[in-house]
Amino acid sequence: LVVPRTAVAVLTRHPWKGHRWAAAYAADPADPAHVAAAVELAVELIDRSSSGVPAKGITVPRGGIPLMPEHLRPVSYNDWDCWSTTVAPAASSSAYGDAARVVDVAADDPRLAQLLAIASPDAPYPAGDPRVVRWAVVEDPEGGLPRTGGLAAMLAVTRQASGAAHLNDVATHPERRGKALARLLCGTVTTQALADGAPAVTLDMYASNDVARRLYTGLGFVWGRGNSSGLLPAQHRG
């Protein structure tokens, strides 16, 4: 559904949960009229889906949830932000200097799941997910962390339809946080993706994550838009 130059809405699949999902976007997220139009389109999609496989959740521009009809409004939802860059960041380093290096590992490396279980149990892409085109990691420079086989930090890269590289599952072992390993990983992978021809590097983050905001801002990522996502009330999920 489209309102030309104002808003668009699509019925799709949640990128990692797999649920059928109504997603709406405003041409200008700062324009209240555009946001309202996006919400109206999303509500129409939900109504249309009720006769077939119903949508289980919704994404609308930031500020759109309160505009939804009360009977459709998610009880809880997350605010998240889209960021991107087309410029390689300055060379990144960690507190370990040359002792910390970014390397790739196979999708079936068991340490990926071990680190995610400890550092990011709600990460969107599980270890081995076929949609991931690259698993980049940092081995522990201190030679410890037996529960993760010596893996200190990791991230997953997926590919957008536009060709952009999308960063996911950025995770650092709790015992190695504060050492700039995530900065090293994200900066290195971003530089390499752009050098390999990706038109941009993108990522999503929860709006309340101030630590991540400082990290990505420092790497040159630019905020693009804010969204809100949540499950629809149970009676509308089929």
Protein backbone atom coordinates (compact mmCIF):
# COMPACT_ATOMS: atom_id res chain seq x y z
CA LEU A 1 0.00 0.00 0.00
CA VAL A 2 1.30 3.44 -0.91
CA VAL A 3 0.42 7.07 -0.40
CA PRO A 4 2.70 8.71 -3.00
CA ARG A 5 5.57 10.72 -1.50
CA THR A 6 4.07 10.21 1.95
CA ALA A 7 4.07 6.62 3.24
CA VAL A 8 4.30 2.96 2.30
CA ALA A 9 3.28 -0.26 4.07
CA VAL A 10 4.03 -3.89 3.30
CA LEU A 11 2.99 -7.24 4.69
CA THR A 12 6.20 -9.18 5.15
CA ARG A 13 8.03 -11.58 7.43
CA HIS A 14 9.86 -10.45 10.52
CA PRO A 15 13.54 -10.72 9.50
CA TRP A 16 14.51 -13.15 12.26
CA LYS A 17 11.37 -14.19 14.14
CA GLY A 18 9.63 -15.38 10.98
CA HIS A 19 6.20 -14.04 11.97
CA ARG A 20 4.01 -12.37 9.36
CA TRP A 21 4.49 -8.69 10.00
CA ALA A 22 2.90 -5.38 8.96
CA ALA A 23 5.59 -2.75 8.41
CA ALA A 24 4.95 0.88 7.51
CA TYR A 25 7.36 3.72 6.81
CA ALA A 26 6.97 7.47 6.44
CA ALA A 27 8.69 9.36 3.62
CA ASP A 28 9.56 12.03 6.17
CA PRO A 29 9.61 10.54 9.68
CA ALA A 30 9.72 14.05 11.15
CA ASP A 31 6.40 15.01 9.54
CA PRO A 32 3.43 14.05 11.77
CA ALA A 33 1.16 13.81 8.72
CA HIS A 34 3.49 11.28 7.10
CA VAL A 35 3.67 9.25 10.31
CA ALA A 36 -0.13 9.26 10.62
CA ALA A 37 -0.48 8.12 7.00
CA ALA A 38 1.96 5.27 7.61
CA VAL A 39 -0.04 4.11 10.64
CA GLU A 40 -3.29 4.19 8.63
CA LEU A 41 -1.74 2.02 5.94
CA ALA A 42 -0.45 -0.45 8.54
CA VAL A 43 -3.88 -0.74 10.14
CA GLU A 44 -5.42 -1.39 6.72
CA LEU A 45 -2.89 -4.16 6.09
CA ILE A 46 -3.71 -5.77 9.43
CA ASP A 47 -7.41 -5.71 8.60
CA ARG A 48 -6.76 -7.26 5.19
CA SER A 49 -4.56 -10.00 6.63
CA SER A 50 -7.22 -11.09 9.10
CA SER A 51 -9.05 -13.00 6.35
CA GLY A 52 -5.98 -15.11 5.58
CA VAL A 53 -2.75 -15.62 7.50
CA PRO A 54 -2.95 -12.78 10.04
CA ALA A 55 -0.10 -10.44 10.85
CA LYS A 56 1.32 -11.07 14.31
CA GLY A 57 3.17 -7.81 14.76
CA ILE A 58 3.66 -4.30 13.49
CA THR A 59 6.41 -1.79 12.81
CA VAL A 60 5.59 1.90 12.43
CA PRO A 61 7.58 5.15 12.52
CA ARG A 62 8.56 6.40 15.97
CA GLY A 63 5.56 8.06 17.57
CA GLY A 64 3.09 5.98 15.57
CA ILE A 65 2.02 3.43 18.21
CA PRO A 66 -0.18 5.90 20.15
CA LEU A 67 -1.97 6.75 16.87
CA MET A 68 -3.17 3.17 16.40
CA PRO A 69 -6.72 2.12 17.33
CA GLU A 70 -6.67 0.99 20.94
CA HIS A 71 -7.82 -2.55 20.13
CA LEU A 72 -4.79 -3.02 17.83
CA ARG A 73 -2.18 -1.21 19.88
CA PRO A 74 0.67 -3.47 21.10
CA VAL A 75 0.74 -3.86 24.86
CA SER A 76 4.52 -3.52 24.75
CA TYR A 77 6.89 -2.48 22.00
CA ASN A 78 10.51 -1.61 21.33
CA ASP A 79 11.88 1.63 19.94
CA TRP A 80 14.82 1.09 17.63
CA ASP A 81 16.94 3.13 15.26
CA CYS A 82 18.40 2.56 11.79
CA TRP A 83 21.98 3.69 11.18
CA SER A 84 24.19 3.63 8.09
CA THR A 85 27.48 4.80 6.64
CA THR A 86 29.05 4.99 3.20
CA VAL A 87 32.42 6.16 4.51
CA ALA A 88 35.08 3.88 5.94
CA PRO A 89 35.91 4.81 9.54
CA ALA A 90 39.37 5.66 10.72
CA ALA A 91 41.48 2.64 11.62
CA SER A 92 40.13 1.06 14.80
CA SER A 93 42.11 -0.51 17.60
CA SER A 94 41.36 -2.03 20.98
CA ALA A 95 43.01 -1.84 24.36
CA TYR A 96 45.07 -4.85 23.29
CA GLY A 97 46.74 -3.16 20.33
CA ASP A 98 48.08 -5.59 17.71
CA ALA A 99 47.31 -8.57 19.96
CA ALA A 100 43.63 -8.34 18.96
CA ARG A 101 42.82 -9.21 15.36
CA VAL A 102 39.58 -9.66 13.42
CA VAL A 103 39.31 -13.05 11.71
CA ASP A 104 36.51 -15.01 10.05
CA VAL A 105 35.20 -18.36 11.27
CA ALA A 106 32.94 -20.99 9.75
CA ALA A 107 29.21 -20.81 10.38
CA ASP A 108 29.33 -24.13 12.24
CA ASP A 109 32.03 -23.02 14.69
CA PRO A 110 30.52 -24.09 18.05
CA ARG A 111 32.08 -21.12 19.83
CA LEU A 112 29.64 -18.73 18.14
CA ALA A 113 26.66 -20.23 19.93
CA GLN A 114 28.62 -20.39 23.17
CA LEU A 115 29.45 -16.69 23.09
CA LEU A 116 25.94 -15.65 22.08
CA ALA A 117 24.48 -17.65 24.97
CA ILE A 118 26.66 -15.71 27.40
CA ALA A 119 26.86 -12.26 25.84
CA SER A 120 23.71 -11.84 23.73
CA PRO A 121 21.10 -14.59 24.24
CA ASP A 122 18.44 -12.59 22.36
CA ALA A 123 20.62 -12.00 19.28
CA PRO A 124 18.53 -12.04 16.09
CA TYR A 125 20.61 -14.53 14.10
CA PRO A 126 21.54 -17.86 15.70
CA ALA A 127 24.90 -19.42 14.98
CA GLY A 128 24.83 -21.20 11.63
CA ASP A 129 21.94 -19.14 10.23
CA PRO A 130 22.21 -19.48 6.41
CA ARG A 131 21.28 -15.83 5.90
CA VAL A 132 24.57 -14.75 7.45
CA VAL A 133 27.30 -14.22 4.83
CA ARG A 134 30.14 -13.63 7.30
CA TRP A 135 30.94 -14.45 10.91
CA ALA A 136 33.76 -12.20 12.15
CA VAL A 137 35.36 -12.70 15.56
CA VAL A 138 38.18 -11.63 17.85
CA GLU A 139 40.04 -14.39 19.68
CA ASP A 140 40.76 -13.59 23.31
CA PRO A 141 44.08 -11.70 23.48
CA GLU A 142 44.47 -12.79 27.11
CA GLY A 143 44.20 -16.47 26.27
CA GLY A 144 41.34 -17.24 28.65
CA LEU A 145 37.54 -17.55 28.45
CA PRO A 146 37.27 -21.35 28.38
CA ARG A 147 33.47 -21.33 28.24
CA THR A 148 33.64 -19.83 24.74
CA GLY A 149 36.75 -21.61 23.53
CA GLY A 150 38.71 -18.39 23.75
CA LEU A 151 36.27 -16.28 21.72
CA ALA A 152 36.08 -12.72 23.04
CA ALA A 153 33.85 -10.87 20.54
CA MET A 154 31.83 -11.54 17.38
CA LEU A 155 29.42 -10.15 14.83
CA ALA A 156 27.37 -11.46 11.92
CA VAL A 157 26.97 -9.83 8.50
CA THR A 158 23.88 -10.20 6.35
CA ARG A 159 23.24 -8.73 2.90
CA GLN A 160 20.45 -6.26 2.17
CA ALA A 161 18.53 -6.34 -1.11
CA SER A 162 20.35 -3.13 -2.03
CA GLY A 163 23.70 -4.86 -1.61
CA ALA A 164 24.43 -3.07 1.65
CA ALA A 165 26.16 -5.06 4.37
CA HIS A 166 24.12 -5.21 7.57
CA LEU A 167 25.78 -5.72 10.96
CA ASN A 168 24.05 -8.04 13.44
CA ASP A 169 24.75 -9.97 16.65
CA VAL A 170 27.49 -7.62 17.86
CA ALA A 171 28.52 -9.31 21.10
CA THR A 172 31.46 -9.05 23.50
CA HIS A 173 32.16 -11.47 26.33
CA PRO A 174 31.21 -9.79 29.64
CA GLU A 175 34.76 -10.30 30.96
CA ARG A 176 36.24 -8.39 28.00
CA ARG A 177 33.87 -5.44 27.76
CA GLY A 178 35.32 -1.97 27.98
CA LYS A 179 38.34 -2.98 25.88
CA ALA A 180 37.01 -1.54 22.57
CA LEU A 181 36.73 -4.98 20.96
CA ALA A 182 33.31 -4.13 19.48
CA ARG A 183 34.79 -0.94 18.03
CA LEU A 184 37.62 -2.96 16.47
CA LEU A 185 35.20 -5.51 15.03
CA CYS A 186 32.63 -3.08 13.66
CA GLY A 187 35.23 -0.67 12.30
CA THR A 188 37.25 -3.38 10.58
CA VAL A 189 34.24 -5.15 9.07
CA THR A 190 32.73 -1.86 7.90
CA THR A 191 35.95 -0.84 6.18
CA GLN A 192 36.30 -4.24 4.50
CA ALA A 193 32.66 -4.34 3.35
CA LEU A 194 32.91 -0.93 1.69
CA ALA A 195 36.24 -1.87 0.10
CA ASP A 196 34.60 -5.03 -1.27
CA GLY A 197 31.95 -2.97 -3.05
CA ALA A 198 29.03 -2.70 -0.63
CA PRO A 199 27.23 0.60 -1.32
CA ALA A 200 26.71 1.12 2.42
CA VAL A 201 26.94 -0.58 5.79
CA THR A 202 23.81 -0.53 7.93
CA LEU A 203 22.69 -1.63 11.38
CA ASP A 204 19.76 -1.42 13.78
CA MET A 205 19.97 -0.79 17.52
CA TYR A 206 17.61 -0.29 20.41
CA ALA A 207 17.06 3.44 20.90
CA SER A 208 17.83 3.20 24.61
CA ASN A 209 21.32 1.71 24.09
CA ASP A 210 23.52 4.73 24.79
CA VAL A 211 26.73 2.66 24.75
CA ALA A 212 25.99 1.43 21.22
CA ARG A 213 25.05 4.94 20.12
CA ARG A 214 28.43 6.28 21.18
CA LEU A 215 30.18 3.39 19.44
CA TYR A 216 28.43 3.81 16.10
CA THR A 217 28.58 7.59 16.14
CA GLY A 218 32.32 7.35 16.76
CA LEU A 219 32.65 5.07 13.72
CA GLY A 220 30.87 7.59 11.50
CA PHE A 221 27.46 5.93 11.28
CA VAL A 222 24.57 8.33 10.75
CA TRP A 223 21.11 7.96 12.27
CA GLY A 224 18.48 7.45 9.59
CA ARG A 225 15.10 6.91 11.18
CA GLY A 226 13.40 5.67 14.31
CA ASN A 227 10.83 2.88 14.39
CA SER A 228 8.66 1.10 16.93
CA SER A 229 7.82 -2.60 16.77
CA GLY A 230 5.62 -4.88 18.84
CA LEU A 231 3.32 -7.89 18.78
CA LEU A 232 -0.33 -7.23 18.12
CA PRO A 233 -2.85 -8.09 20.86
CA ALA A 234 -3.40 -11.86 21.00
CA GLN A 235 -6.89 -11.78 19.49
CA HIS A 236 -5.47 -10.36 16.25
CA ARG A 237 -2.63 -12.84 15.80
CA GLY A 238 -4.66 -15.83 14.72
